[in-house]
Amino acid sequence: MSKLYKTVITACDRYVPNNLRPLWNHEAGPKTVFFWAPFFKWGLVIAGLGDLTRPVETLSIPQSVSLAATGIIWSRYSLVIIPKNYSLFSVNVFVACTSLYQLSRAVRHAQEQKKLKEN
């Protein structure tokens, strides 16, 4: 797979405009995994934003906790690794924020349901 990837990158290399060369050749640019991991992780953010309209009773508290924890942990990690990966940092901040918001919705709903059962 690595050989195929290098072939594709080499073929694309000649089409990259001069003004995008610094990004293209950056140590966390598209030639490395440091670029592609955060790029695909934006799918989690998009899914989280799509869930904002989801009925609150269908939200999973354990899932929201794990996504929030992942976002927080990886946000910190992205700033201590070398090279610092600000795209990884930003995507993980968004994962944490959307998950924390969903968690707050789910916990609020669970508390309301508990109060209703007590009455």
PDB file of N, CA and C in Angstrom:
ATOM      1  N   MET A   1       0.822  -1.195   0.000  1.00  0.00           N
ATOM      2  CA  MET A   1       0.000   0.000   0.000  1.00  0.00           C
ATOM      3  C   MET A   1       0.864   1.256   0.000  1.00  0.00           C
ATOM      4  N   SER A   2       1.966   1.210   0.697  1.00  0.00           N
ATOM      5  CA  SER A   2       2.846   2.367   0.774  1.00  0.00           C
ATOM      6  C   SER A   2       3.409   2.735  -0.599  1.00  0.00           C
ATOM      7  N   LYS A   3       3.731   1.728  -1.386  1.00  0.00           N
ATOM      8  CA  LYS A   3       4.274   1.970  -2.719  1.00  0.00           C
ATOM      9  C   LYS A   3       3.215   2.645  -3.602  1.00  0.00           C
ATOM     10  N   LEU A   4       1.983   2.179  -3.515  1.00  0.00           N
ATOM     11  CA  LEU A   4       0.879   2.769  -4.276  1.00  0.00           C
ATOM     12  C   LEU A   4       0.656   4.224  -3.854  1.00  0.00           C
ATOM     13  N   TYR A   5       0.671   4.459  -2.541  1.00  0.00           N
ATOM     14  CA  TYR A   5       0.477   5.813  -2.028  1.00  0.00           C
ATOM     15  C   TYR A   5       1.579   6.745  -2.539  1.00  0.00           C
ATOM     16  N   LYS A   6       2.817   6.287  -2.469  1.00  0.00           N
ATOM     17  CA  LYS A   6       3.940   7.104  -2.942  1.00  0.00           C
ATOM     18  C   LYS A   6       3.826   7.390  -4.438  1.00  0.00           C
ATOM     19  N   THR A   7       3.347   6.436  -5.198  1.00  0.00           N
ATOM     20  CA  THR A   7       3.154   6.632  -6.634  1.00  0.00           C
ATOM     21  C   THR A   7       2.097   7.690  -6.896  1.00  0.00           C
ATOM     22  N   VAL A   8       0.990   7.621  -6.163  1.00  0.00           N
ATOM     23  CA  VAL A   8      -0.085   8.604  -6.330  1.00  0.00           C
ATOM     24  C   VAL A   8       0.395   9.996  -5.928  1.00  0.00           C
ATOM     25  N   ILE A   9       1.091  10.102  -4.815  1.00  0.00           N
ATOM     26  CA  ILE A   9       1.601  11.398  -4.350  1.00  0.00           C
ATOM     27  C   ILE A   9       2.590  11.979  -5.350  1.00  0.00           C
ATOM     28  N   THR A  10       3.461  11.143  -5.881  1.00  0.00           N
ATOM     29  CA  THR A  10       4.435  11.607  -6.869  1.00  0.00           C
ATOM     30  C   THR A  10       3.732  12.097  -8.127  1.00  0.00           C
ATOM     31  N   ALA A  11       2.685  11.389  -8.544  1.00  0.00           N
ATOM     32  CA  ALA A  11       1.936  11.801  -9.732  1.00  0.00           C
ATOM     33  C   ALA A  11       1.218  13.131  -9.492  1.00  0.00           C
ATOM     34  N   CYS A  12       0.683  13.313  -8.293  1.00  0.00           N
ATOM     35  CA  CYS A  12      -0.032  14.552  -7.962  1.00  0.00           C
ATOM     36  C   CYS A  12       0.920  15.720  -7.737  1.00  0.00           C
ATOM     37  N   ASP A  13       2.138  15.413  -7.367  1.00  0.00           N
ATOM     38  CA  ASP A  13       3.114  16.435  -7.000  1.00  0.00           C
ATOM     39  C   ASP A  13       3.285  17.502  -8.078  1.00  0.00           C
ATOM     40  N   ARG A  14       3.278  17.107  -9.317  1.00  0.00           N
ATOM     41  CA  ARG A  14       3.519  18.072 -10.404  1.00  0.00           C
ATOM     42  C   ARG A  14       2.337  19.000 -10.652  1.00  0.00           C
ATOM     43  N   TYR A  15       1.152  18.658 -10.112  1.00  0.00           N
ATOM     44  CA  TYR A  15      -0.041  19.481 -10.322  1.00  0.00           C
ATOM     45  C   TYR A  15      -0.333  20.447  -9.174  1.00  0.00           C
ATOM     46  N   VAL A  16       0.446  20.373  -8.121  1.00  0.00           N
ATOM     47  CA  VAL A  16       0.221  21.238  -6.958  1.00  0.00           C
ATOM     48  C   VAL A  16       0.713  22.649  -7.299  1.00  0.00           C
ATOM     49  N   PRO A  17      -0.174  23.658  -7.170  1.00  0.00           N
ATOM     50  CA  PRO A  17       0.236  25.041  -7.467  1.00  0.00           C
ATOM     51  C   PRO A  17       1.317  25.524  -6.503  1.00  0.00           C
ATOM     52  N   ASN A  18       2.118  26.461  -6.946  1.00  0.00           N
ATOM     53  CA  ASN A  18       3.229  26.979  -6.134  1.00  0.00           C
ATOM     54  C   ASN A  18       2.769  27.568  -4.810  1.00  0.00           C
ATOM     55  N   ASN A  19       1.604  28.219  -4.795  1.00  0.00           N
ATOM     56  CA  ASN A  19       1.144  28.829  -3.543  1.00  0.00           C
ATOM     57  C   ASN A  19       0.693  27.778  -2.512  1.00  0.00           C
ATOM     58  N   LEU A  20       0.443  26.535  -2.943  1.00  0.00           N
ATOM     59  CA  LEU A  20       0.071  25.472  -2.006  1.00  0.00           C
ATOM     60  C   LEU A  20       1.252  24.554  -1.649  1.00  0.00           C
ATOM     61  N   ARG A  21       2.410  24.819  -2.221  1.00  0.00           N
ATOM     62  CA  ARG A  21       3.599  23.996  -1.949  1.00  0.00           C
ATOM     63  C   ARG A  21       3.974  23.934  -0.469  1.00  0.00           C
ATOM     64  N   PRO A  22       3.910  25.063   0.279  1.00  0.00           N
ATOM     65  CA  PRO A  22       4.258  24.958   1.703  1.00  0.00           C
ATOM     66  C   PRO A  22       3.358  23.963   2.457  1.00  0.00           C
ATOM     67  N   LEU A  23       2.060  23.971   2.180  1.00  0.00           N
ATOM     68  CA  LEU A  23       1.153  23.006   2.809  1.00  0.00           C
ATOM     69  C   LEU A  23       1.467  21.596   2.318  1.00  0.00           C
ATOM     70  N   TRP A  24       1.642  21.446   1.027  1.00  0.00           N
ATOM     71  CA  TRP A  24       1.894  20.146   0.411  1.00  0.00           C
ATOM     72  C   TRP A  24       3.154  19.491   0.988  1.00  0.00           C
ATOM     73  N   ASN A  25       4.195  20.281   1.214  1.00  0.00           N
ATOM     74  CA  ASN A  25       5.475  19.743   1.692  1.00  0.00           C
ATOM     75  C   ASN A  25       5.657  19.843   3.207  1.00  0.00           C
ATOM     76  N   HIS A  26       4.653  20.316   3.926  1.00  0.00           N
ATOM     77  CA  HIS A  26       4.742  20.455   5.386  1.00  0.00           C
ATOM     78  C   HIS A  26       4.895  19.082   6.042  1.00  0.00           C
ATOM     79  N   GLU A  27       5.548  19.054   7.206  1.00  0.00           N
ATOM     80  CA  GLU A  27       5.753  17.778   7.907  1.00  0.00           C
ATOM     81  C   GLU A  27       4.445  17.156   8.384  1.00  0.00           C
ATOM     82  N   ALA A  28       3.356  17.925   8.402  1.00  0.00           N
ATOM     83  CA  ALA A  28       2.037  17.375   8.726  1.00  0.00           C
ATOM     84  C   ALA A  28       1.090  17.580   7.543  1.00  0.00           C
ATOM     85  N   GLY A  29       1.639  17.641   6.356  1.00  0.00           N
ATOM     86  CA  GLY A  29       0.855  17.873   5.148  1.00  0.00           C
ATOM     87  C   GLY A  29       0.309  16.592   4.539  1.00  0.00           C
ATOM     88  N   PRO A  30      -0.303  16.695   3.352  1.00  0.00           N
ATOM     89  CA  PRO A  30      -0.949  15.549   2.707  1.00  0.00           C
ATOM     90  C   PRO A  30      -0.027  14.378   2.363  1.00  0.00           C
ATOM     91  N   LYS A  31       1.251  14.584   2.418  1.00  0.00           N
ATOM     92  CA  LYS A  31       2.182  13.483   2.147  1.00  0.00           C
ATOM     93  C   LYS A  31       2.358  12.577   3.369  1.00  0.00           C
ATOM     94  N   THR A  32       1.714  12.910   4.487  1.00  0.00           N
ATOM     95  CA  THR A  32       1.894  12.145   5.727  1.00  0.00           C
ATOM     96  C   THR A  32       0.558  11.712   6.305  1.00  0.00           C
ATOM     97  N   VAL A  33       0.602  10.760   7.228  1.00  0.00           N
ATOM     98  CA  VAL A  33      -0.596  10.314   7.938  1.00  0.00           C
ATOM     99  C   VAL A  33      -1.112  11.416   8.868  1.00  0.00           C
ATOM    100  N   PHE A  34      -0.236  12.342   9.237  1.00  0.00           N
ATOM    101  CA  PHE A  34      -0.635  13.435  10.128  1.00  0.00           C
ATOM    102  C   PHE A  34      -1.712  14.309   9.501  1.00  0.00           C
ATOM    103  N   PHE A  35      -1.822  14.280   8.198  1.00  0.00           N
ATOM    104  CA  PHE A  35      -2.858  15.045   7.501  1.00  0.00           C
ATOM    105  C   PHE A  35      -4.132  14.223   7.347  1.00  0.00           C
ATOM    106  N   TRP A  36      -4.008  12.975   6.930  1.00  0.00           N
ATOM    107  CA  TRP A  36      -5.169  12.175   6.563  1.00  0.00           C
ATOM    108  C   TRP A  36      -5.986  11.704   7.757  1.00  0.00           C
ATOM    109  N   ALA A  37      -5.364  11.448   8.882  1.00  0.00           N
ATOM    110  CA  ALA A  37      -6.129  11.017  10.065  1.00  0.00           C
ATOM    111  C   ALA A  37      -7.129  12.089  10.491  1.00  0.00           C
ATOM    112  N   PRO A  38      -6.722  13.354  10.671  1.00  0.00           N
ATOM    113  CA  PRO A  38      -7.703  14.380  11.020  1.00  0.00           C
ATOM    114  C   PRO A  38      -8.714  14.634   9.903  1.00  0.00           C
ATOM    115  N   PHE A  39      -8.264  14.538   8.661  1.00  0.00           N
ATOM    116  CA  PHE A  39      -9.157  14.764   7.523  1.00  0.00           C
ATOM    117  C   PHE A  39     -10.360  13.829   7.592  1.00  0.00           C
ATOM    118  N   PHE A  40     -10.125  12.553   7.825  1.00  0.00           N
ATOM    119  CA  PHE A  40     -11.221  11.594   7.891  1.00  0.00           C
ATOM    120  C   PHE A  40     -11.979  11.660   9.217  1.00  0.00           C
ATOM    121  N   LYS A  41     -11.328  12.160  10.263  1.00  0.00           N
ATOM    122  CA  LYS A  41     -12.008  12.259  11.555  1.00  0.00           C
ATOM    123  C   LYS A  41     -13.091  13.328  11.554  1.00  0.00           C
ATOM    124  N   TRP A  42     -13.033  14.255  10.585  1.00  0.00           N
ATOM    125  CA  TRP A  42     -14.101  15.248  10.471  1.00  0.00           C
ATOM    126  C   TRP A  42     -15.449  14.571  10.235  1.00  0.00           C
ATOM    127  N   GLY A  43     -15.438  13.330   9.777  1.00  0.00           N
ATOM    128  CA  GLY A  43     -16.680  12.568   9.630  1.00  0.00           C
ATOM    129  C   GLY A  43     -17.404  12.407  10.960  1.00  0.00           C
ATOM    130  N   LEU A  44     -16.647  12.252  12.043  1.00  0.00           N
ATOM    131  CA  LEU A  44     -17.267  12.172  13.375  1.00  0.00           C
ATOM    132  C   LEU A  44     -17.936  13.490  13.759  1.00  0.00           C
ATOM    133  N   VAL A  45     -17.302  14.587  13.387  1.00  0.00           N
ATOM    134  CA  VAL A  45     -17.882  15.902  13.688  1.00  0.00           C
ATOM    135  C   VAL A  45     -19.170  16.086  12.887  1.00  0.00           C
ATOM    136  N   ILE A  46     -19.135  15.729  11.621  1.00  0.00           N
ATOM    137  CA  ILE A  46     -20.327  15.856  10.778  1.00  0.00           C
ATOM    138  C   ILE A  46     -21.456  14.985  11.312  1.00  0.00           C
ATOM    139  N   ALA A  47     -21.133  13.764  11.742  1.00  0.00           N
ATOM    140  CA  ALA A  47     -22.144  12.883  12.334  1.00  0.00           C
ATOM    141  C   ALA A  47     -22.695  13.483  13.624  1.00  0.00           C
ATOM    142  N   GLY A  48     -21.814  14.069  14.435  1.00  0.00           N
ATOM    143  CA  GLY A  48     -22.255  14.704  15.683  1.00  0.00           C
ATOM    144  C   GLY A  48     -23.168  15.885  15.428  1.00  0.00           C
ATOM    145  N   LEU A  49     -22.845  16.669  14.409  1.00  0.00           N
ATOM    146  CA  LEU A  49     -23.705  17.809  14.062  1.00  0.00           C
ATOM    147  C   LEU A  49     -25.049  17.320  13.524  1.00  0.00           C
ATOM    148  N   GLY A  50     -25.023  16.217  12.784  1.00  0.00           N
ATOM    149  CA  GLY A  50     -26.273  15.636  12.289  1.00  0.00           C
ATOM    150  C   GLY A  50     -27.148  15.130  13.422  1.00  0.00           C
ATOM    151  N   ASP A  51     -26.527  14.697  14.511  1.00  0.00           N
ATOM    152  CA  ASP A  51     -27.273  14.184  15.660  1.00  0.00           C
ATOM    153  C   ASP A  51     -27.890  15.287  16.521  1.00  0.00           C
ATOM    154  N   LEU A  52     -27.591  16.544  16.240  1.00  0.00           N
ATOM    155  CA  LEU A  52     -28.158  17.629  17.041  1.00  0.00           C
ATOM    156  C   LEU A  52     -29.679  17.669  16.946  1.00  0.00           C
ATOM    157  N   THR A  53     -30.222  17.182  15.837  1.00  0.00           N
ATOM    158  CA  THR A  53     -31.683  17.159  15.671  1.00  0.00           C
ATOM    159  C   THR A  53     -32.277  15.806  16.054  1.00  0.00           C
ATOM    160  N   ARG A  54     -31.448  14.898  16.471  1.00  0.00           N
ATOM    161  CA  ARG A  54     -31.891  13.558  16.864  1.00  0.00           C
ATOM    162  C   ARG A  54     -32.713  13.636  18.150  1.00  0.00           C
ATOM    163  N   PRO A  55     -33.764  12.846  18.263  1.00  0.00           N
ATOM    164  CA  PRO A  55     -34.541  12.836  19.515  1.00  0.00           C
ATOM    165  C   PRO A  55     -33.656  12.461  20.708  1.00  0.00           C
ATOM    166  N   VAL A  56     -33.811  13.209  21.777  1.00  0.00           N
ATOM    167  CA  VAL A  56     -32.917  13.061  22.925  1.00  0.00           C
ATOM    168  C   VAL A  56     -33.000  11.669  23.549  1.00  0.00           C
ATOM    169  N   GLU A  57     -34.133  11.016  23.454  1.00  0.00           N
ATOM    170  CA  GLU A  57     -34.262   9.686  24.078  1.00  0.00           C
ATOM    171  C   GLU A  57     -33.461   8.614  23.332  1.00  0.00           C
ATOM    172  N   THR A  58     -33.003   8.925  22.131  1.00  0.00           N
ATOM    173  CA  THR A  58     -32.197   7.949  21.381  1.00  0.00           C
ATOM    174  C   THR A  58     -30.694   8.155  21.553  1.00  0.00           C
ATOM    175  N   LEU A  59     -30.291   9.170  22.309  1.00  0.00           N
ATOM    176  CA  LEU A  59     -28.873   9.434  22.520  1.00  0.00           C
ATOM    177  C   LEU A  59     -28.288   8.438  23.510  1.00  0.00           C
ATOM    178  N   SER A  60     -27.045   8.077  23.300  1.00  0.00           N
ATOM    179  CA  SER A  60     -26.354   7.145  24.183  1.00  0.00           C
ATOM    180  C   SER A  60     -25.371   7.913  25.069  1.00  0.00           C
ATOM    181  N   ILE A  61     -25.580   7.828  26.369  1.00  0.00           N
ATOM    182  CA  ILE A  61     -24.674   8.490  27.305  1.00  0.00           C
ATOM    183  C   ILE A  61     -23.267   7.874  27.241  1.00  0.00           C
ATOM    184  N   PRO A  62     -23.127   6.534  27.265  1.00  0.00           N
ATOM    185  CA  PRO A  62     -21.767   5.975  27.175  1.00  0.00           C
ATOM    186  C   PRO A  62     -21.042   6.373  25.884  1.00  0.00           C
ATOM    187  N   GLN A  63     -21.749   6.405  24.781  1.00  0.00           N
ATOM    188  CA  GLN A  63     -21.120   6.800  23.518  1.00  0.00           C
ATOM    189  C   GLN A  63     -20.681   8.258  23.565  1.00  0.00           C
ATOM    190  N   SER A  64     -21.525   9.118  24.106  1.00  0.00           N
ATOM    191  CA  SER A  64     -21.177  10.534  24.201  1.00  0.00           C
ATOM    192  C   SER A  64     -19.986  10.754  25.125  1.00  0.00           C
ATOM    193  N   VAL A  65     -19.937  10.011  26.222  1.00  0.00           N
ATOM    194  CA  VAL A  65     -18.803  10.112  27.149  1.00  0.00           C
ATOM    195  C   VAL A  65     -17.511   9.675  26.470  1.00  0.00           C
ATOM    196  N   SER A  66     -17.571   8.551  25.761  1.00  0.00           N
ATOM    197  CA  SER A  66     -16.344   8.055  25.124  1.00  0.00           C
ATOM    198  C   SER A  66     -15.866   8.983  24.012  1.00  0.00           C
ATOM    199  N   LEU A  67     -16.781   9.539  23.229  1.00  0.00           N
ATOM    200  CA  LEU A  67     -16.379  10.480  22.181  1.00  0.00           C
ATOM    201  C   LEU A  67     -15.820  11.771  22.775  1.00  0.00           C
ATOM    202  N   ALA A  68     -16.436  12.255  23.844  1.00  0.00           N
ATOM    203  CA  ALA A  68     -15.932  13.467  24.498  1.00  0.00           C
ATOM    204  C   ALA A  68     -14.538  13.221  25.077  1.00  0.00           C
ATOM    205  N   ALA A  69     -14.361  12.084  25.739  1.00  0.00           N
ATOM    206  CA  ALA A  69     -13.045  11.757  26.310  1.00  0.00           C
ATOM    207  C   ALA A  69     -11.995  11.626  25.215  1.00  0.00           C
ATOM    208  N   THR A  70     -12.353  10.973  24.131  1.00  0.00           N
ATOM    209  CA  THR A  70     -11.433  10.835  22.996  1.00  0.00           C
ATOM    210  C   THR A  70     -11.037  12.199  22.459  1.00  0.00           C
ATOM    211  N   GLY A  71     -12.023  13.067  22.279  1.00  0.00           N
ATOM    212  CA  GLY A  71     -11.737  14.405  21.770  1.00  0.00           C
ATOM    213  C   GLY A  71     -10.813  15.194  22.683  1.00  0.00           C
ATOM    214  N   ILE A  72     -11.060  15.106  23.979  1.00  0.00           N
ATOM    215  CA  ILE A  72     -10.236  15.848  24.947  1.00  0.00           C
ATOM    216  C   ILE A  72      -8.813  15.287  24.997  1.00  0.00           C
ATOM    217  N   ILE A  73      -8.694  13.973  25.085  1.00  0.00           N
ATOM    218  CA  ILE A  73      -7.371  13.340  25.175  1.00  0.00           C
ATOM    219  C   ILE A  73      -6.550  13.626  23.923  1.00  0.00           C
ATOM    220  N   TRP A  74      -7.134  13.433  22.750  1.00  0.00           N
ATOM    221  CA  TRP A  74      -6.385  13.637  21.506  1.00  0.00           C
ATOM    222  C   TRP A  74      -6.117  15.102  21.229  1.00  0.00           C
ATOM    223  N   SER A  75      -6.960  15.993  21.751  1.00  0.00           N
ATOM    224  CA  SER A  75      -6.657  17.422  21.612  1.00  0.00           C
ATOM    225  C   SER A  75      -5.354  17.740  22.332  1.00  0.00           C
ATOM    226  N   ARG A  76      -5.212  17.231  23.516  1.00  0.00           N
ATOM    227  CA  ARG A  76      -3.982  17.448  24.286  1.00  0.00           C
ATOM    228  C   ARG A  76      -2.788  16.806  23.587  1.00  0.00           C
ATOM    229  N   TYR A  77      -2.970  15.561  23.148  1.00  0.00           N
ATOM    230  CA  TYR A  77      -1.878  14.830  22.502  1.00  0.00           C
ATOM    231  C   TYR A  77      -1.374  15.551  21.249  1.00  0.00           C
ATOM    232  N   SER A  78      -2.293  16.126  20.479  1.00  0.00           N
ATOM    233  CA  SER A  78      -1.903  16.769  19.217  1.00  0.00           C
ATOM    234  C   SER A  78      -1.012  17.983  19.434  1.00  0.00           C
ATOM    235  N   LEU A  79      -1.008  18.522  20.645  1.00  0.00           N
ATOM    236  CA  LEU A  79      -0.166  19.682  20.930  1.00  0.00           C
ATOM    237  C   LEU A  79       1.172  19.314  21.569  1.00  0.00           C
ATOM    238  N   VAL A  80       1.339  18.060  21.972  1.00  0.00           N
ATOM    239  CA  VAL A  80       2.613  17.662  22.578  1.00  0.00           C
ATOM    240  C   VAL A  80       3.475  16.827  21.635  1.00  0.00           C
ATOM    241  N   ILE A  81       2.883  16.322  20.545  1.00  0.00           N
ATOM    242  CA  ILE A  81       3.683  15.554  19.597  1.00  0.00           C
ATOM    243  C   ILE A  81       4.490  16.491  18.703  1.00  0.00           C
ATOM    244  N   ILE A  82       5.482  15.952  18.065  1.00  0.00           N
ATOM    245  CA  ILE A  82       6.279  16.720  17.113  1.00  0.00           C
ATOM    246  C   ILE A  82       6.156  16.024  15.771  1.00  0.00           C
ATOM    247  N   PRO A  83       5.720  16.689  14.750  1.00  0.00           N
ATOM    248  CA  PRO A  83       5.350  18.101  14.686  1.00  0.00           C
ATOM    249  C   PRO A  83       3.976  18.319  15.316  1.00  0.00           C
ATOM    250  N   LYS A  84       3.780  19.502  15.888  1.00  0.00           N
ATOM    251  CA  LYS A  84       2.468  19.851  16.434  1.00  0.00           C
ATOM    252  C   LYS A  84       1.462  19.764  15.288  1.00  0.00           C
ATOM    253  N   ASN A  85       0.330  19.159  15.584  1.00  0.00           N
ATOM    254  CA  ASN A  85      -0.647  18.934  14.524  1.00  0.00           C
ATOM    255  C   ASN A  85      -1.917  19.714  14.851  1.00  0.00           C
ATOM    256  N   TYR A  86      -1.996  20.926  14.329  1.00  0.00           N
ATOM    257  CA  TYR A  86      -3.126  21.791  14.641  1.00  0.00           C
ATOM    258  C   TYR A  86      -4.412  21.338  13.966  1.00  0.00           C
ATOM    259  N   SER A  87      -4.325  20.636  12.844  1.00  0.00           N
ATOM    260  CA  SER A  87      -5.552  20.123  12.238  1.00  0.00           C
ATOM    261  C   SER A  87      -6.125  18.993  13.097  1.00  0.00           C
ATOM    262  N   LEU A  88      -5.260  18.162  13.664  1.00  0.00           N
ATOM    263  CA  LEU A  88      -5.715  17.118  14.593  1.00  0.00           C
ATOM    264  C   LEU A  88      -6.297  17.756  15.848  1.00  0.00           C
ATOM    265  N   PHE A  89      -5.675  18.827  16.322  1.00  0.00           N
ATOM    266  CA  PHE A  89      -6.187  19.538  17.489  1.00  0.00           C
ATOM    267  C   PHE A  89      -7.592  20.080  17.218  1.00  0.00           C
ATOM    268  N   SER A  90      -7.763  20.753  16.089  1.00  0.00           N
ATOM    269  CA  SER A  90      -9.061  21.381  15.810  1.00  0.00           C
ATOM    270  C   SER A  90     -10.170  20.356  15.645  1.00  0.00           C
ATOM    271  N   VAL A  91      -9.907  19.260  14.940  1.00  0.00           N
ATOM    272  CA  VAL A  91     -10.961  18.267  14.762  1.00  0.00           C
ATOM    273  C   VAL A  91     -11.334  17.633  16.096  1.00  0.00           C
ATOM    274  N   ASN A  92     -10.362  17.417  16.973  1.00  0.00           N
ATOM    275  CA  ASN A  92     -10.669  16.810  18.265  1.00  0.00           C
ATOM    276  C   ASN A  92     -11.383  17.766  19.205  1.00  0.00           C
ATOM    277  N   VAL A  93     -11.104  19.050  19.101  1.00  0.00           N
ATOM    278  CA  VAL A  93     -11.875  20.032  19.881  1.00  0.00           C
ATOM    279  C   VAL A  93     -13.340  19.988  19.445  1.00  0.00           C
ATOM    280  N   PHE A  94     -13.566  19.920  18.148  1.00  0.00           N
ATOM    281  CA  PHE A  94     -14.946  19.850  17.654  1.00  0.00           C
ATOM    282  C   PHE A  94     -15.625  18.542  18.045  1.00  0.00           C
ATOM    283  N   VAL A  95     -14.900  17.423  18.011  1.00  0.00           N
ATOM    284  CA  VAL A  95     -15.463  16.139  18.457  1.00  0.00           C
ATOM    285  C   VAL A  95     -15.861  16.248  19.928  1.00  0.00           C
ATOM    286  N   ALA A  96     -14.984  16.813  20.749  1.00  0.00           N
ATOM    287  CA  ALA A  96     -15.275  16.964  22.180  1.00  0.00           C
ATOM    288  C   ALA A  96     -16.477  17.876  22.397  1.00  0.00           C
ATOM    289  N   CYS A  97     -16.523  18.991  21.694  1.00  0.00           N
ATOM    290  CA  CYS A  97     -17.635  19.943  21.887  1.00  0.00           C
ATOM    291  C   CYS A  97     -18.972  19.340  21.491  1.00  0.00           C
ATOM    292  N   THR A  98     -19.040  18.713  20.318  1.00  0.00           N
ATOM    293  CA  THR A  98     -20.324  18.132  19.907  1.00  0.00           C
ATOM    294  C   THR A  98     -20.736  17.007  20.851  1.00  0.00           C
ATOM    295  N   SER A  99     -19.781  16.213  21.310  1.00  0.00           N
ATOM    296  CA  SER A  99     -20.100  15.110  22.220  1.00  0.00           C
ATOM    297  C   SER A  99     -20.517  15.615  23.593  1.00  0.00           C
ATOM    298  N   LEU A 100     -19.846  16.652  24.089  1.00  0.00           N
ATOM    299  CA  LEU A 100     -20.230  17.211  25.391  1.00  0.00           C
ATOM    300  C   LEU A 100     -21.634  17.821  25.332  1.00  0.00           C
ATOM    301  N   TYR A 101     -21.956  18.459  24.211  1.00  0.00           N
ATOM    302  CA  TYR A 101     -23.304  19.012  24.059  1.00  0.00           C
ATOM    303  C   TYR A 101     -24.340  17.879  24.049  1.00  0.00           C
ATOM    304  N   GLN A 102     -24.066  16.819  23.286  1.00  0.00           N
ATOM    305  CA  GLN A 102     -24.997  15.690  23.247  1.00  0.00           C
ATOM    306  C   GLN A 102     -25.102  15.024  24.627  1.00  0.00           C
ATOM    307  N   LEU A 103     -23.987  14.945  25.327  1.00  0.00           N
ATOM    308  CA  LEU A 103     -23.990  14.373  26.673  1.00  0.00           C
ATOM    309  C   LEU A 103     -24.859  15.207  27.607  1.00  0.00           C
ATOM    310  N   SER A 104     -24.735  16.529  27.510  1.00  0.00           N
ATOM    311  CA  SER A 104     -25.556  17.387  28.374  1.00  0.00           C
ATOM    312  C   SER A 104     -27.042  17.205  28.060  1.00  0.00           C
ATOM    313  N   ARG A 105     -27.379  17.063  26.794  1.00  0.00           N
ATOM    314  CA  ARG A 105     -28.787  16.816  26.414  1.00  0.00           C
ATOM    315  C   ARG A 105     -29.284  15.495  26.997  1.00  0.00           C
ATOM    316  N   ALA A 106     -28.466  14.444  26.871  1.00  0.00           N
ATOM    317  CA  ALA A 106     -28.870  13.116  27.333  1.00  0.00           C
ATOM    318  C   ALA A 106     -28.995  13.068  28.850  1.00  0.00           C
ATOM    319  N   VAL A 107     -28.063  13.690  29.560  1.00  0.00           N
ATOM    320  CA  VAL A 107     -28.115  13.690  31.031  1.00  0.00           C
ATOM    321  C   VAL A 107     -29.313  14.489  31.524  1.00  0.00           C
ATOM    322  N   ARG A 108     -29.549  15.651  30.912  1.00  0.00           N
ATOM    323  CA  ARG A 108     -30.719  16.464  31.273  1.00  0.00           C
ATOM    324  C   ARG A 108     -32.019  15.670  31.079  1.00  0.00           C
ATOM    325  N   HIS A 109     -32.094  14.958  29.960  1.00  0.00           N
ATOM    326  CA  HIS A 109     -33.284  14.154  29.678  1.00  0.00           C
ATOM    327  C   HIS A 109     -33.434  13.030  30.709  1.00  0.00           C
ATOM    328  N   ALA A 110     -32.338  12.367  31.053  1.00  0.00           N
ATOM    329  CA  ALA A 110     -32.392  11.285  32.040  1.00  0.00           C
ATOM    330  C   ALA A 110     -32.844  11.803  33.401  1.00  0.00           C
ATOM    331  N   GLN A 111     -32.377  13.002  33.780  1.00  0.00           N
ATOM    332  CA  GLN A 111     -32.799  13.598  35.055  1.00  0.00           C
ATOM    333  C   GLN A 111     -34.282  13.952  35.025  1.00  0.00           C
ATOM    334  N   GLU A 112     -34.760  14.474  33.915  1.00  0.00           N
ATOM    335  CA  GLU A 112     -36.184  14.808  33.798  1.00  0.00           C
ATOM    336  C   GLU A 112     -37.040  13.554  33.891  1.00  0.00           C
ATOM    337  N   GLN A 113     -36.596  12.476  33.249  1.00  0.00           N
ATOM    338  CA  GLN A 113     -37.341  11.233  33.309  1.00  0.00           C
ATOM    339  C   GLN A 113     -37.366  10.655  34.719  1.00  0.00           C
ATOM    340  N   LYS A 114     -36.276  10.803  35.436  1.00  0.00           N
ATOM    341  CA  LYS A 114     -36.201  10.319  36.813  1.00  0.00           C
ATOM    342  C   LYS A 114     -37.181  11.098  37.693  1.00  0.00           C
ATOM    343  N   LYS A 115     -37.257  12.420  37.514  1.00  0.00           N
ATOM    344  CA  LYS A 115     -38.184  13.265  38.282  1.00  0.00           C
ATOM    345  C   LYS A 115     -39.625  12.888  37.978  1.00  0.00           C
ATOM    346  N   LEU A 116     -39.922  12.609  36.723  1.00  0.00           N
ATOM    347  CA  LEU A 116     -41.280  12.228  36.329  1.00  0.00           C
ATOM    348  C   LEU A 116     -41.698  10.915  36.985  1.00  0.00           C
ATOM    349  N   LYS A 117     -40.760   9.962  37.078  1.00  0.00           N
ATOM    350  CA  LYS A 117     -41.064   8.667  37.698  1.00  0.00           C
ATOM    351  C   LYS A 117     -41.272   8.802  39.197  1.00  0.00           C
ATOM    352  N   GLU A 118     -40.584   9.769  39.813  1.00  0.00           N
ATOM    353  CA  GLU A 118     -40.723   9.974  41.266  1.00  0.00           C
ATOM    354  C   GLU A 118     -42.069  10.599  41.615  1.00  0.00           C
ATOM    355  N   ASN A 119     -42.634  11.366  40.690  1.00  0.00           N
ATOM    356  CA  ASN A 119     -43.923  12.034  40.968  1.00  0.00           C
ATOM    357  C   ASN A 119     -45.077  11.153  40.736  1.00  0.00           C
TER     358      ASN A 119
END
